[in-house]
């Protein structure tokens, strides 16, 4: 397993060859870590892409200042 990479906002990621593991606050924190298997990661990417499309489709009057 590689050394965790800092993503920002206190989130670290490490890849074990199958899962992407997310850790919070510190790279050594293994309590409450999240393991994203490939299908779950793909679903997260689709979710993100859908958010971008919805935001792009919003009217300027709907956007927060």
Protein backbone atom coordinates (compact mmCIF):
# COMPACT_ATOMS: atom_id res chain seq x y z
CA UNK A 1 0.00 0.00 0.00
CA UNK A 2 1.32 3.44 -0.90
CA UNK A 3 1.63 6.40 1.43
CA UNK A 4 -1.65 8.35 1.59
CA UNK A 5 -1.95 11.44 -0.61
CA UNK A 6 -3.53 14.60 0.77
CA UNK A 7 -6.56 15.63 -1.31
CA UNK A 8 -7.58 18.72 0.66
CA UNK A 9 -10.15 19.55 3.34
CA UNK A 10 -8.51 17.09 5.73
CA UNK A 11 -9.01 14.12 3.38
CA UNK A 12 -6.26 11.64 2.50
CA UNK A 13 -6.50 8.89 -0.13
CA UNK A 14 -4.53 5.70 -0.62
CA UNK A 15 -4.95 2.95 -3.24
CA UNK A 16 -4.34 -0.68 -2.26
CA UNK A 17 -4.63 -2.12 -5.76
CA UNK A 18 -8.42 -2.54 -5.54
CA UNK A 19 -9.97 -0.04 -3.10
CA UNK A 20 -9.42 3.68 -2.81
CA UNK A 21 -9.28 4.30 0.94
CA UNK A 22 -10.32 7.69 2.28
CA UNK A 23 -9.06 8.85 5.66
CA UNK A 24 -9.93 12.00 7.57
CA UNK A 25 -7.80 14.57 9.38
CA UNK A 26 -4.50 12.65 9.38
CA UNK A 27 -2.96 10.05 7.10
CA UNK A 28 -2.51 7.62 10.02
CA UNK A 29 -6.20 7.79 11.01
CA UNK A 30 -7.72 4.39 10.26
CA UNK A 31 -10.86 4.81 12.39
CA UNK A 32 -13.90 5.47 10.28
CA UNK A 33 -12.02 5.20 7.00
CA UNK A 34 -13.99 4.53 3.83
CA UNK A 35 -13.07 1.94 1.20
CA UNK A 36 -14.36 2.68 -2.30
CA UNK A 37 -14.37 -0.37 -4.53
CA UNK A 38 -14.27 0.31 -8.29
CA UNK A 39 -18.06 0.23 -8.76
CA UNK A 40 -18.63 2.62 -5.86
CA UNK A 41 -15.92 4.97 -7.11
CA UNK A 42 -17.55 4.93 -10.57
CA UNK A 43 -20.89 5.80 -8.96
CA UNK A 44 -19.24 8.70 -7.12
CA UNK A 45 -17.78 10.00 -10.39
CA UNK A 46 -21.22 9.75 -12.05
CA UNK A 47 -22.73 11.63 -9.10
CA UNK A 48 -20.12 14.37 -9.47
CA UNK A 49 -20.66 14.60 -13.22
CA UNK A 50 -24.41 14.88 -12.66
CA UNK A 51 -23.88 17.71 -10.18
CA UNK A 52 -21.80 19.61 -12.73
CA UNK A 53 -24.48 19.15 -15.40
CA UNK A 54 -27.26 20.29 -13.05
CA UNK A 55 -25.26 23.35 -12.00
CA UNK A 56 -24.50 24.24 -15.62
CA UNK A 57 -28.23 23.98 -16.49
CA UNK A 58 -29.35 26.29 -13.68
CA UNK A 59 -30.57 29.75 -14.56
CA UNK A 60 -28.31 32.60 -13.41
CA UNK A 61 -31.14 33.84 -11.17
CA UNK A 62 -31.05 30.50 -9.32
CA UNK A 63 -27.37 30.77 -8.46
CA UNK A 64 -26.37 32.02 -5.05
CA UNK A 65 -24.48 35.34 -4.96
